[in-house]
Protein backbone atom coordinates (compact mmCIF):
# COMPACT_ATOMS: atom_id res chain seq x y z
CA UNK A 1 4.29 16.36 46.67
CA UNK A 2 7.46 17.49 48.43
CA UNK A 3 8.77 13.92 48.20
CA UNK A 4 8.49 13.89 44.37
CA UNK A 5 10.26 17.24 44.11
CA UNK A 6 13.02 16.01 46.41
CA UNK A 7 13.51 12.79 44.37
CA UNK A 8 13.62 14.77 41.11
CA UNK A 9 16.46 16.92 42.53
CA UNK A 10 18.32 13.81 43.70
CA UNK A 11 18.29 12.31 40.16
CA UNK A 12 20.07 15.39 38.81
CA UNK A 13 22.64 15.17 41.58
CA UNK A 14 23.29 11.47 40.84
CA UNK A 15 23.82 12.21 37.14
CA UNK A 16 26.27 14.98 37.99
CA UNK A 17 28.14 12.62 40.32
CA UNK A 18 28.49 10.04 37.54
CA UNK A 19 29.82 12.66 35.11
CA UNK A 20 32.45 13.86 37.62
CA UNK A 21 33.44 10.28 38.43
CA UNK A 22 33.87 9.53 34.70
CA UNK A 23 36.07 12.60 34.18
CA UNK A 24 38.26 11.80 37.19
CA UNK A 25 38.62 8.16 36.13
CA UNK A 26 39.55 9.23 32.58
CA UNK A 27 42.30 11.53 33.86
CA UNK A 28 43.68 8.80 36.12
CA UNK A 29 43.72 6.33 33.23
CA UNK A 30 45.51 8.87 31.01
CA UNK A 31 48.19 9.47 33.63
CA UNK A 32 48.74 5.74 34.21
CA UNK A 33 48.90 5.03 30.47
CA UNK A 34 51.46 7.81 29.97
CA UNK A 35 53.62 6.49 32.84
CA UNK A 36 53.43 2.93 31.48
CA UNK A 37 54.49 4.09 28.02
CA UNK A 38 57.47 5.99 29.42
CA UNK A 39 58.57 2.99 31.49
CA UNK A 40 58.47 0.72 28.42
CA UNK A 41 60.29 3.13 26.09
CA UNK A 42 62.77 5.39 27.92
CA UNK A 43 64.57 6.20 24.64
CA UNK A 44 61.63 8.30 23.44
CA UNK A 45 61.87 10.36 26.63
CA UNK A 46 65.63 10.75 26.12
CA UNK A 47 65.11 11.83 22.50
CA UNK A 48 62.66 14.49 23.64
CA UNK A 49 65.15 15.69 26.24
CA UNK A 50 67.88 15.79 23.58
CA UNK A 51 65.60 17.85 21.31
CA UNK A 52 64.99 20.23 24.21
CA UNK A 53 68.77 20.59 24.70
CA UNK A 54 69.29 21.24 20.95
CA UNK A 55 66.50 23.85 20.91
CA UNK A 56 68.01 25.52 23.96
CA UNK A 57 71.35 25.74 22.13
CA UNK A 58 69.67 27.25 19.05
CA UNK A 59 67.85 29.79 21.24
CA UNK A 60 71.08 30.83 22.95
CA UNK A 61 72.91 31.24 19.63
CA UNK A 62 69.99 33.17 18.11
CA UNK A 63 70.09 35.44 21.14
CA UNK A 64 73.81 36.05 20.61
CA UNK A 65 73.16 36.86 16.94
CA UNK A 66 70.32 39.27 17.79
CA UNK A 67 71.64 41.01 20.91
CA UNK A 68 75.40 40.98 20.34
CA UNK A 69 75.10 41.33 16.59
CA UNK A 70 77.72 38.66 15.96
CA UNK A 71 77.97 34.91 15.64
CA UNK A 72 81.36 33.85 14.35
CA UNK A 73 81.96 30.64 12.42
CA UNK A 74 83.46 27.82 14.46
CA UNK A 75 82.66 25.38 17.25
CA UNK A 76 80.64 26.35 20.32
CA UNK A 77 80.19 24.68 23.67
CA UNK A 78 76.72 24.36 25.21
CA UNK A 79 75.44 27.87 25.97
CA UNK A 80 72.58 26.88 28.30
CA UNK A 81 72.54 25.84 31.94
CA UNK A 82 74.88 22.93 32.85
CA UNK A 83 72.08 21.12 34.73
CA UNK A 84 70.14 20.85 31.44
CA UNK A 85 72.75 18.33 30.26
CA UNK A 86 71.95 15.70 32.92
CA UNK A 87 68.73 13.82 33.51
CA UNK A 88 68.07 11.75 36.61
CA UNK A 89 64.78 10.16 35.56
CA UNK A 90 66.21 6.67 35.35
CA UNK A 91 66.91 4.06 38.02
CA UNK A 92 70.42 3.49 36.72
CA UNK A 93 73.13 6.14 36.62
CA UNK A 94 72.12 9.64 35.45
CA UNK A 95 72.25 10.22 31.70
CA UNK A 96 74.58 12.99 30.53
CA UNK A 97 74.16 14.66 27.15
CA UNK A 98 77.05 15.97 25.06
CA UNK A 99 76.45 18.90 22.71
CA UNK A 100 78.60 19.60 19.64
CA UNK A 101 77.78 22.79 17.76
CA UNK A 102 79.26 23.95 14.47
CA UNK A 103 78.55 27.37 12.96
CA UNK A 104 79.38 28.02 9.30
CA UNK A 105 79.20 31.34 7.44
CA UNK A 106 76.74 30.88 4.57
CA UNK A 107 77.25 34.38 3.25
CA UNK A 108 76.45 37.89 4.34
CA UNK A 109 74.66 37.82 7.66
CA UNK A 110 73.46 34.18 7.47
CA UNK A 111 74.95 31.36 9.55
CA UNK A 112 74.23 27.64 9.15
CA UNK A 113 74.18 26.10 12.63
CA UNK A 114 74.41 22.34 13.22
CA UNK A 115 73.77 20.97 16.71
CA UNK A 116 74.50 17.34 17.53
CA UNK A 117 73.32 15.99 20.90
CA UNK A 118 74.62 12.56 21.94
CA UNK A 119 74.17 10.29 24.97
CA UNK A 120 75.02 6.75 26.05
CA UNK A 121 72.68 4.22 27.66
CA UNK A 122 73.73 0.69 28.52
CA UNK A 123 76.87 0.91 26.41
CA UNK A 124 74.91 2.02 23.31
CA UNK A 125 75.49 5.44 21.78
CA UNK A 126 72.59 7.58 20.55
CA UNK A 127 72.49 10.96 18.88
CA UNK A 128 70.26 13.45 17.15
CA UNK A 129 71.41 16.17 14.80
CA UNK A 130 69.52 19.30 13.87
CA UNK A 131 70.33 22.23 11.61
CA UNK A 132 69.03 25.77 11.44
CA UNK A 133 69.91 28.96 9.60
CA UNK A 134 70.38 31.98 11.84
CA UNK A 135 70.46 35.59 10.68
CA UNK A 136 72.91 37.93 12.44
CA UNK A 137 71.47 41.37 13.06
CA UNK A 138 74.02 44.17 12.66
CA UNK A 139 73.70 47.15 14.98
């Protein structure tokens, strides 16, 4: 009788082992598939990095508009950390991003901000451009 009870408990343990093994194998496959996709298409990774750089620039300018209460029309250099402009994920030379920002006065306390992020890979130039309207808060 003790033998049957022992075997019944072992079946539950075996099922639990299979479930954990399946979960671990699924995570490993997901990680490998993600790495393979990035290796085949590095431009998508660079585009995501460029979008991150553009969003960082927007966040910095919005902060200036909220905290300082001013955001003058004109050109702005990159307001984030300098190390955000270089990525070293690639086997070749590091990729450096260039940020061009133009702020235009739309009227009143609204500013139209255009951020263009560009980079060069293998002699080919790439860029993304994004626009956002920012409201300046007067103190």
